[in-house]
Amino acid sequence: MHNKKNIEKKVIEIIERVCSRKVEQIDTNIFINPFYMSSRELAYIFVELEKEYDIDLNELVEVYKDHTVANLIDAIVKLTSLVEVM
């Protein structure tokens, strides 16, 4: 079973690896200052998360709306808890 703290750690690790930048704030928009993530980087992150958590990429895109790291973590928590129930 995945818990939120482990998911948070793994999501941040993947983001930092893909973007080659430190995640210092998880509640700010990833596309603006201070992070300036590109849409390509986000796509790579989604693919890594899809592989890591065996979740459907379409579902992840549907659930992820706020464009913050915190919201991405919450989306992964939600999707992995749905998978575990099934």
PDB file of N, CA and C in Angstrom:
ATOM      1  N   MET A   1       0.835  -1.184   0.000  1.00  0.00           N
ATOM      2  CA  MET A   1       0.000   0.000   0.000  1.00  0.00           C
ATOM      3  C   MET A   1       0.881   1.249   0.000  1.00  0.00           C
ATOM      4  N   HIS A   2       0.487   2.214  -0.779  1.00  0.00           N
ATOM      5  CA  HIS A   2       1.221   3.464  -0.875  1.00  0.00           C
ATOM      6  C   HIS A   2       0.670   4.451   0.144  1.00  0.00           C
ATOM      7  N   ASN A   3       1.575   5.075   0.907  1.00  0.00           N
ATOM      8  CA  ASN A   3       1.089   6.130   1.790  1.00  0.00           C
ATOM      9  C   ASN A   3       1.525   7.488   1.235  1.00  0.00           C
ATOM     10  N   LYS A   4       0.851   8.525   1.664  1.00  0.00           N
ATOM     11  CA  LYS A   4       1.048   9.855   1.088  1.00  0.00           C
ATOM     12  C   LYS A   4       2.481  10.348   1.253  1.00  0.00           C
ATOM     13  N   LYS A   5       3.095  10.080   2.370  1.00  0.00           N
ATOM     14  CA  LYS A   5       4.460  10.557   2.611  1.00  0.00           C
ATOM     15  C   LYS A   5       5.444   9.909   1.636  1.00  0.00           C
ATOM     16  N   ASN A   6       5.294   8.609   1.393  1.00  0.00           N
ATOM     17  CA  ASN A   6       6.169   7.924   0.437  1.00  0.00           C
ATOM     18  C   ASN A   6       5.918   8.415  -0.978  1.00  0.00           C
ATOM     19  N   ILE A   7       4.652   8.641  -1.308  1.00  0.00           N
ATOM     20  CA  ILE A   7       4.319   9.164  -2.637  1.00  0.00           C
ATOM     21  C   ILE A   7       4.913  10.552  -2.807  1.00  0.00           C
ATOM     22  N   GLU A   8       4.780  11.399  -1.797  1.00  0.00           N
ATOM     23  CA  GLU A   8       5.343  12.746  -1.863  1.00  0.00           C
ATOM     24  C   GLU A   8       6.846  12.700  -2.130  1.00  0.00           C
ATOM     25  N   LYS A   9       7.537  11.862  -1.390  1.00  0.00           N
ATOM     26  CA  LYS A   9       8.988  11.728  -1.546  1.00  0.00           C
ATOM     27  C   LYS A   9       9.339  11.267  -2.962  1.00  0.00           C
ATOM     28  N   LYS A  10       8.621  10.281  -3.474  1.00  0.00           N
ATOM     29  CA  LYS A  10       8.911   9.733  -4.800  1.00  0.00           C
ATOM     30  C   LYS A  10       8.573  10.741  -5.899  1.00  0.00           C
ATOM     31  N   VAL A  11       7.441  11.433  -5.791  1.00  0.00           N
ATOM     32  CA  VAL A  11       7.053  12.428  -6.797  1.00  0.00           C
ATOM     33  C   VAL A  11       8.105  13.541  -6.860  1.00  0.00           C
ATOM     34  N   ILE A  12       8.521  14.029  -5.725  1.00  0.00           N
ATOM     35  CA  ILE A  12       9.540  15.083  -5.693  1.00  0.00           C
ATOM     36  C   ILE A  12      10.849  14.575  -6.283  1.00  0.00           C
ATOM     37  N   GLU A  13      11.212  13.355  -5.962  1.00  0.00           N
ATOM     38  CA  GLU A  13      12.426  12.752  -6.510  1.00  0.00           C
ATOM     39  C   GLU A  13      12.361  12.691  -8.042  1.00  0.00           C
ATOM     40  N   ILE A  14      11.230  12.264  -8.577  1.00  0.00           N
ATOM     41  CA  ILE A  14      11.061  12.173 -10.032  1.00  0.00           C
ATOM     42  C   ILE A  14      11.115  13.561 -10.663  1.00  0.00           C
ATOM     43  N   ILE A  15      10.425  14.523 -10.067  1.00  0.00           N
ATOM     44  CA  ILE A  15      10.432  15.891 -10.605  1.00  0.00           C
ATOM     45  C   ILE A  15      11.847  16.452 -10.620  1.00  0.00           C
ATOM     46  N   GLU A  16      12.568  16.286  -9.537  1.00  0.00           N
ATOM     47  CA  GLU A  16      13.922  16.817  -9.463  1.00  0.00           C
ATOM     48  C   GLU A  16      14.850  16.145 -10.470  1.00  0.00           C
ATOM     49  N   ARG A  17      14.661  14.851 -10.683  1.00  0.00           N
ATOM     50  CA  ARG A  17      15.483  14.129 -11.652  1.00  0.00           C
ATOM     51  C   ARG A  17      15.176  14.579 -13.077  1.00  0.00           C
ATOM     52  N   VAL A  18      13.901  14.671 -13.408  1.00  0.00           N
ATOM     53  CA  VAL A  18      13.500  15.050 -14.771  1.00  0.00           C
ATOM     54  C   VAL A  18      13.862  16.502 -15.068  1.00  0.00           C
ATOM     55  N   CYS A  19      13.644  17.387 -14.105  1.00  0.00           N
ATOM     56  CA  CYS A  19      13.819  18.825 -14.338  1.00  0.00           C
ATOM     57  C   CYS A  19      15.205  19.348 -13.970  1.00  0.00           C
ATOM     58  N   SER A  20      15.989  18.534 -13.284  1.00  0.00           N
ATOM     59  CA  SER A  20      17.320  18.955 -12.816  1.00  0.00           C
ATOM     60  C   SER A  20      17.258  20.229 -11.964  1.00  0.00           C
ATOM     61  N   ARG A  21      16.187  20.348 -11.169  1.00  0.00           N
ATOM     62  CA  ARG A  21      16.015  21.474 -10.251  1.00  0.00           C
ATOM     63  C   ARG A  21      15.419  20.963  -8.944  1.00  0.00           C
ATOM     64  N   LYS A  22      15.723  21.651  -7.857  1.00  0.00           N
ATOM     65  CA  LYS A  22      15.171  21.286  -6.557  1.00  0.00           C
ATOM     66  C   LYS A  22      13.734  21.775  -6.436  1.00  0.00           C
ATOM     67  N   VAL A  23      12.903  20.950  -5.817  1.00  0.00           N
ATOM     68  CA  VAL A  23      11.534  21.354  -5.489  1.00  0.00           C
ATOM     69  C   VAL A  23      11.572  21.910  -4.076  1.00  0.00           C
ATOM     70  N   GLU A  24      11.348  23.199  -3.968  1.00  0.00           N
ATOM     71  CA  GLU A  24      11.396  23.833  -2.648  1.00  0.00           C
ATOM     72  C   GLU A  24      10.021  24.223  -2.142  1.00  0.00           C
ATOM     73  N   GLN A  25       9.066  24.430  -3.055  1.00  0.00           N
ATOM     74  CA  GLN A  25       7.706  24.785  -2.677  1.00  0.00           C
ATOM     75  C   GLN A  25       6.752  23.859  -3.426  1.00  0.00           C
ATOM     76  N   ILE A  26       5.862  23.199  -2.700  1.00  0.00           N
ATOM     77  CA  ILE A  26       4.953  22.273  -3.380  1.00  0.00           C
ATOM     78  C   ILE A  26       3.572  22.879  -3.615  1.00  0.00           C
ATOM     79  N   ASP A  27       3.327  24.070  -3.097  1.00  0.00           N
ATOM     80  CA  ASP A  27       2.003  24.681  -3.221  1.00  0.00           C
ATOM     81  C   ASP A  27       1.929  25.833  -4.217  1.00  0.00           C
ATOM     82  N   THR A  28       2.970  26.027  -5.018  1.00  0.00           N
ATOM     83  CA  THR A  28       2.939  27.090  -6.018  1.00  0.00           C
ATOM     84  C   THR A  28       2.819  26.481  -7.407  1.00  0.00           C
ATOM     85  N   ASN A  29       2.304  27.252  -8.332  1.00  0.00           N
ATOM     86  CA  ASN A  29       2.124  26.795  -9.708  1.00  0.00           C
ATOM     87  C   ASN A  29       3.480  26.420 -10.301  1.00  0.00           C
ATOM     88  N   ILE A  30       3.542  25.227 -10.873  1.00  0.00           N
ATOM     89  CA  ILE A  30       4.814  24.709 -11.395  1.00  0.00           C
ATOM     90  C   ILE A  30       5.274  25.404 -12.669  1.00  0.00           C
ATOM     91  N   PHE A  31       4.373  26.117 -13.336  1.00  0.00           N
ATOM     92  CA  PHE A  31       4.717  26.746 -14.605  1.00  0.00           C
ATOM     93  C   PHE A  31       5.221  28.180 -14.460  1.00  0.00           C
ATOM     94  N   ILE A  32       5.206  28.722 -13.232  1.00  0.00           N
ATOM     95  CA  ILE A  32       5.669  30.094 -13.013  1.00  0.00           C
ATOM     96  C   ILE A  32       6.815  30.108 -12.006  1.00  0.00           C
ATOM     97  N   ASN A  33       7.272  31.302 -11.696  1.00  0.00           N
ATOM     98  CA  ASN A  33       8.342  31.487 -10.736  1.00  0.00           C
ATOM     99  C   ASN A  33       7.998  30.810  -9.413  1.00  0.00           C
ATOM    100  N   PRO A  34       8.829  30.072  -8.776  1.00  0.00           N
ATOM    101  CA  PRO A  34      10.257  29.920  -8.985  1.00  0.00           C
ATOM    102  C   PRO A  34      10.655  28.700  -9.825  1.00  0.00           C
ATOM    103  N   PHE A  35       9.705  27.878 -10.272  1.00  0.00           N
ATOM    104  CA  PHE A  35      10.084  26.607 -10.890  1.00  0.00           C
ATOM    105  C   PHE A  35      10.163  26.636 -12.406  1.00  0.00           C
ATOM    106  N   TYR A  36       9.223  27.240 -13.057  1.00  0.00           N
ATOM    107  CA  TYR A  36       9.202  27.339 -14.518  1.00  0.00           C
ATOM    108  C   TYR A  36       9.325  25.979 -15.224  1.00  0.00           C
ATOM    109  N   MET A  37       8.474  25.045 -14.856  1.00  0.00           N
ATOM    110  CA  MET A  37       8.478  23.734 -15.506  1.00  0.00           C
ATOM    111  C   MET A  37       7.919  23.870 -16.928  1.00  0.00           C
ATOM    112  N   SER A  38       8.521  23.164 -17.852  1.00  0.00           N
ATOM    113  CA  SER A  38       8.004  23.171 -19.222  1.00  0.00           C
ATOM    114  C   SER A  38       6.949  22.076 -19.369  1.00  0.00           C
ATOM    115  N   SER A  39       6.113  22.209 -20.372  1.00  0.00           N
ATOM    116  CA  SER A  39       5.097  21.181 -20.609  1.00  0.00           C
ATOM    117  C   SER A  39       5.748  19.860 -20.981  1.00  0.00           C
ATOM    118  N   ARG A  40       6.878  19.892 -21.626  1.00  0.00           N
ATOM    119  CA  ARG A  40       7.619  18.669 -21.966  1.00  0.00           C
ATOM    120  C   ARG A  40       8.099  17.967 -20.695  1.00  0.00           C
ATOM    121  N   GLU A  41       8.613  18.746 -19.754  1.00  0.00           N
ATOM    122  CA  GLU A  41       9.054  18.156 -18.491  1.00  0.00           C
ATOM    123  C   GLU A  41       7.880  17.509 -17.773  1.00  0.00           C
ATOM    124  N   LEU A  42       6.733  18.176 -17.769  1.00  0.00           N
ATOM    125  CA  LEU A  42       5.550  17.620 -17.124  1.00  0.00           C
ATOM    126  C   LEU A  42       5.136  16.312 -17.800  1.00  0.00           C
ATOM    127  N   ALA A  43       5.213  16.255 -19.111  1.00  0.00           N
ATOM    128  CA  ALA A  43       4.879  15.023 -19.827  1.00  0.00           C
ATOM    129  C   ALA A  43       5.820  13.890 -19.421  1.00  0.00           C
ATOM    130  N   TYR A  44       7.110  14.167 -19.327  1.00  0.00           N
ATOM    131  CA  TYR A  44       8.066  13.145 -18.887  1.00  0.00           C
ATOM    132  C   TYR A  44       7.776  12.690 -17.458  1.00  0.00           C
ATOM    133  N   ILE A  45       7.415  13.631 -16.610  1.00  0.00           N
ATOM    134  CA  ILE A  45       7.077  13.304 -15.223  1.00  0.00           C
ATOM    135  C   ILE A  45       5.853  12.399 -15.184  1.00  0.00           C
ATOM    136  N   PHE A  46       4.830  12.729 -15.960  1.00  0.00           N
ATOM    137  CA  PHE A  46       3.624  11.894 -16.013  1.00  0.00           C
ATOM    138  C   PHE A  46       3.949  10.481 -16.453  1.00  0.00           C
ATOM    139  N   VAL A  47       4.805  10.331 -17.448  1.00  0.00           N
ATOM    140  CA  VAL A  47       5.180   8.993 -17.927  1.00  0.00           C
ATOM    141  C   VAL A  47       5.914   8.223 -16.828  1.00  0.00           C
ATOM    142  N   GLU A  48       6.819   8.894 -16.125  1.00  0.00           N
ATOM    143  CA  GLU A  48       7.533   8.245 -15.014  1.00  0.00           C
ATOM    144  C   GLU A  48       6.567   7.824 -13.904  1.00  0.00           C
ATOM    145  N   LEU A  49       5.615   8.687 -13.585  1.00  0.00           N
ATOM    146  CA  LEU A  49       4.636   8.356 -12.543  1.00  0.00           C
ATOM    147  C   LEU A  49       3.723   7.219 -12.981  1.00  0.00           C
ATOM    148  N   GLU A  50       3.375   7.191 -14.248  1.00  0.00           N
ATOM    149  CA  GLU A  50       2.546   6.103 -14.780  1.00  0.00           C
ATOM    150  C   GLU A  50       3.261   4.764 -14.592  1.00  0.00           C
ATOM    151  N   LYS A  51       4.561   4.733 -14.894  1.00  0.00           N
ATOM    152  CA  LYS A  51       5.339   3.500 -14.726  1.00  0.00           C
ATOM    153  C   LYS A  51       5.523   3.146 -13.253  1.00  0.00           C
ATOM    154  N   GLU A  52       5.831   4.133 -12.455  1.00  0.00           N
ATOM    155  CA  GLU A  52       6.115   3.907 -11.030  1.00  0.00           C
ATOM    156  C   GLU A  52       4.908   3.367 -10.275  1.00  0.00           C
ATOM    157  N   TYR A  53       3.730   3.913 -10.565  1.00  0.00           N
ATOM    158  CA  TYR A  53       2.544   3.567  -9.782  1.00  0.00           C
ATOM    159  C   TYR A  53       1.513   2.739 -10.555  1.00  0.00           C
ATOM    160  N   ASP A  54       1.837   2.376 -11.781  1.00  0.00           N
ATOM    161  CA  ASP A  54       0.938   1.556 -12.597  1.00  0.00           C
ATOM    162  C   ASP A  54      -0.468   2.156 -12.641  1.00  0.00           C
ATOM    163  N   ILE A  55      -0.500   3.433 -12.983  1.00  0.00           N
ATOM    164  CA  ILE A  55      -1.770   4.147 -13.100  1.00  0.00           C
ATOM    165  C   ILE A  55      -1.990   4.536 -14.556  1.00  0.00           C
ATOM    166  N   ASP A  56      -3.229   4.799 -14.904  1.00  0.00           N
ATOM    167  CA  ASP A  56      -3.572   5.182 -16.263  1.00  0.00           C
ATOM    168  C   ASP A  56      -3.250   6.660 -16.481  1.00  0.00           C
ATOM    169  N   LEU A  57      -2.476   6.941 -17.514  1.00  0.00           N
ATOM    170  CA  LEU A  57      -2.073   8.311 -17.807  1.00  0.00           C
ATOM    171  C   LEU A  57      -3.280   9.209 -18.064  1.00  0.00           C
ATOM    172  N   ASN A  58      -4.286   8.696 -18.746  1.00  0.00           N
ATOM    173  CA  ASN A  58      -5.495   9.489 -19.017  1.00  0.00           C
ATOM    174  C   ASN A  58      -6.196   9.886 -17.724  1.00  0.00           C
ATOM    175  N   GLU A  59      -6.250   8.967 -16.771  1.00  0.00           N
ATOM    176  CA  GLU A  59      -6.867   9.281 -15.481  1.00  0.00           C
ATOM    177  C   GLU A  59      -6.054  10.328 -14.724  1.00  0.00           C
ATOM    178  N   LEU A  60      -4.728  10.214 -14.807  1.00  0.00           N
ATOM    179  CA  LEU A  60      -3.874  11.183 -14.127  1.00  0.00           C
ATOM    180  C   LEU A  60      -4.093  12.585 -14.700  1.00  0.00           C
ATOM    181  N   VAL A  61      -4.138  12.694 -16.004  1.00  0.00           N
ATOM    182  CA  VAL A  61      -4.367  13.991 -16.644  1.00  0.00           C
ATOM    183  C   VAL A  61      -5.735  14.544 -16.244  1.00  0.00           C
ATOM    184  N   GLU A  62      -6.726  13.675 -16.140  1.00  0.00           N
ATOM    185  CA  GLU A  62      -8.081  14.098 -15.779  1.00  0.00           C
ATOM    186  C   GLU A  62      -8.149  14.625 -14.344  1.00  0.00           C
ATOM    187  N   VAL A  63      -7.421  13.994 -13.439  1.00  0.00           N
ATOM    188  CA  VAL A  63      -7.476  14.353 -12.019  1.00  0.00           C
ATOM    189  C   VAL A  63      -6.593  15.557 -11.692  1.00  0.00           C
ATOM    190  N   TYR A  64      -5.503  15.722 -12.426  1.00  0.00           N
ATOM    191  CA  TYR A  64      -4.531  16.780 -12.131  1.00  0.00           C
ATOM    192  C   TYR A  64      -4.982  18.101 -12.729  1.00  0.00           C
ATOM    193  N   LYS A  65      -5.428  19.024 -11.883  1.00  0.00           N
ATOM    194  CA  LYS A  65      -5.996  20.285 -12.370  1.00  0.00           C
ATOM    195  C   LYS A  65      -5.284  21.537 -11.861  1.00  0.00           C
ATOM    196  N   ASP A  66      -4.730  21.520 -10.695  1.00  0.00           N
ATOM    197  CA  ASP A  66      -4.241  22.725 -10.026  1.00  0.00           C
ATOM    198  C   ASP A  66      -2.830  23.172 -10.417  1.00  0.00           C
ATOM    199  N   HIS A  67      -2.067  22.307 -11.008  1.00  0.00           N
ATOM    200  CA  HIS A  67      -0.709  22.583 -11.461  1.00  0.00           C
ATOM    201  C   HIS A  67       0.255  22.967 -10.347  1.00  0.00           C
ATOM    202  N   THR A  68       0.129  22.245  -9.249  1.00  0.00           N
ATOM    203  CA  THR A  68       1.103  22.354  -8.166  1.00  0.00           C
ATOM    204  C   THR A  68       1.628  20.957  -7.883  1.00  0.00           C
ATOM    205  N   VAL A  69       2.773  20.886  -7.246  1.00  0.00           N
ATOM    206  CA  VAL A  69       3.318  19.589  -6.853  1.00  0.00           C
ATOM    207  C   VAL A  69       2.389  18.930  -5.830  1.00  0.00           C
ATOM    208  N   ALA A  70       1.845  19.721  -4.920  1.00  0.00           N
ATOM    209  CA  ALA A  70       0.932  19.181  -3.903  1.00  0.00           C
ATOM    210  C   ALA A  70      -0.289  18.539  -4.553  1.00  0.00           C
ATOM    211  N   ASN A  71      -0.836  19.188  -5.572  1.00  0.00           N
ATOM    212  CA  ASN A  71      -1.999  18.633  -6.265  1.00  0.00           C
ATOM    213  C   ASN A  71      -1.628  17.358  -7.027  1.00  0.00           C
ATOM    214  N   LEU A  72      -0.429  17.317  -7.576  1.00  0.00           N
ATOM    215  CA  LEU A  72       0.036  16.112  -8.271  1.00  0.00           C
ATOM    216  C   LEU A  72       0.173  14.956  -7.279  1.00  0.00           C
ATOM    217  N   ILE A  73       0.690  15.235  -6.104  1.00  0.00           N
ATOM    218  CA  ILE A  73       0.812  14.215  -5.062  1.00  0.00           C
ATOM    219  C   ILE A  73      -0.578  13.710  -4.672  1.00  0.00           C
ATOM    220  N   ASP A  74      -1.513  14.623  -4.468  1.00  0.00           N
ATOM    221  CA  ASP A  74      -2.887  14.237  -4.124  1.00  0.00           C
ATOM    222  C   ASP A  74      -3.528  13.399  -5.229  1.00  0.00           C
ATOM    223  N   ALA A  75      -3.257  13.739  -6.486  1.00  0.00           N
ATOM    224  CA  ALA A  75      -3.804  12.971  -7.610  1.00  0.00           C
ATOM    225  C   ALA A  75      -3.261  11.547  -7.612  1.00  0.00           C
ATOM    226  N   ILE A  76      -1.971  11.396  -7.347  1.00  0.00           N
ATOM    227  CA  ILE A  76      -1.365  10.063  -7.293  1.00  0.00           C
ATOM    228  C   ILE A  76      -1.943   9.275  -6.122  1.00  0.00           C
ATOM    229  N   VAL A  77      -2.094   9.911  -4.973  1.00  0.00           N
ATOM    230  CA  VAL A  77      -2.692   9.247  -3.804  1.00  0.00           C
ATOM    231  C   VAL A  77      -4.094   8.762  -4.159  1.00  0.00           C
ATOM    232  N   LYS A  78      -4.875   9.611  -4.772  1.00  0.00           N
ATOM    233  CA  LYS A  78      -6.250   9.244  -5.138  1.00  0.00           C
ATOM    234  C   LYS A  78      -6.266   8.065  -6.120  1.00  0.00           C
ATOM    235  N   LEU A  79      -5.447   8.140  -7.157  1.00  0.00           N
ATOM    236  CA  LEU A  79      -5.444   7.088  -8.163  1.00  0.00           C
ATOM    237  C   LEU A  79      -4.899   5.770  -7.641  1.00  0.00           C
ATOM    238  N   THR A  80      -3.876   5.822  -6.794  1.00  0.00           N
ATOM    239  CA  THR A  80      -3.329   4.570  -6.258  1.00  0.00           C
ATOM    240  C   THR A  80      -4.293   3.947  -5.258  1.00  0.00           C
ATOM    241  N   SER A  81      -5.056   4.748  -4.533  1.00  0.00           N
ATOM    242  CA  SER A  81      -6.026   4.181  -3.599  1.00  0.00           C
ATOM    243  C   SER A  81      -7.177   3.537  -4.374  1.00  0.00           C
ATOM    244  N   LEU A  82      -7.531   4.083  -5.522  1.00  0.00           N
ATOM    245  CA  LEU A  82      -8.558   3.463  -6.362  1.00  0.00           C
ATOM    246  C   LEU A  82      -8.092   2.129  -6.920  1.00  0.00           C
ATOM    247  N   VAL A  83      -6.819   2.056  -7.327  1.00  0.00           N
ATOM    248  CA  VAL A  83      -6.258   0.819  -7.859  1.00  0.00           C
ATOM    249  C   VAL A  83      -6.218  -0.260  -6.789  1.00  0.00           C
ATOM    250  N   GLU A  84      -5.866   0.122  -5.554  1.00  0.00           N
ATOM    251  CA  GLU A  84      -5.774  -0.842  -4.469  1.00  0.00           C
ATOM    252  C   GLU A  84      -7.130  -1.396  -4.064  1.00  0.00           C
ATOM    253  N   VAL A  85      -8.179  -0.617  -4.252  1.00  0.00           N
ATOM    254  CA  VAL A  85      -9.534  -1.058  -3.905  1.00  0.00           C
ATOM    255  C   VAL A  85     -10.019  -2.113  -4.907  1.00  0.00           C
ATOM    256  N   MET A  86      -9.643  -1.940  -6.150  1.00  0.00           N
ATOM    257  CA  MET A  86     -10.118  -2.832  -7.214  1.00  0.00           C
ATOM    258  C   MET A  86      -9.476  -4.173  -7.163  1.00  0.00           C
TER     259      MET A  86
END
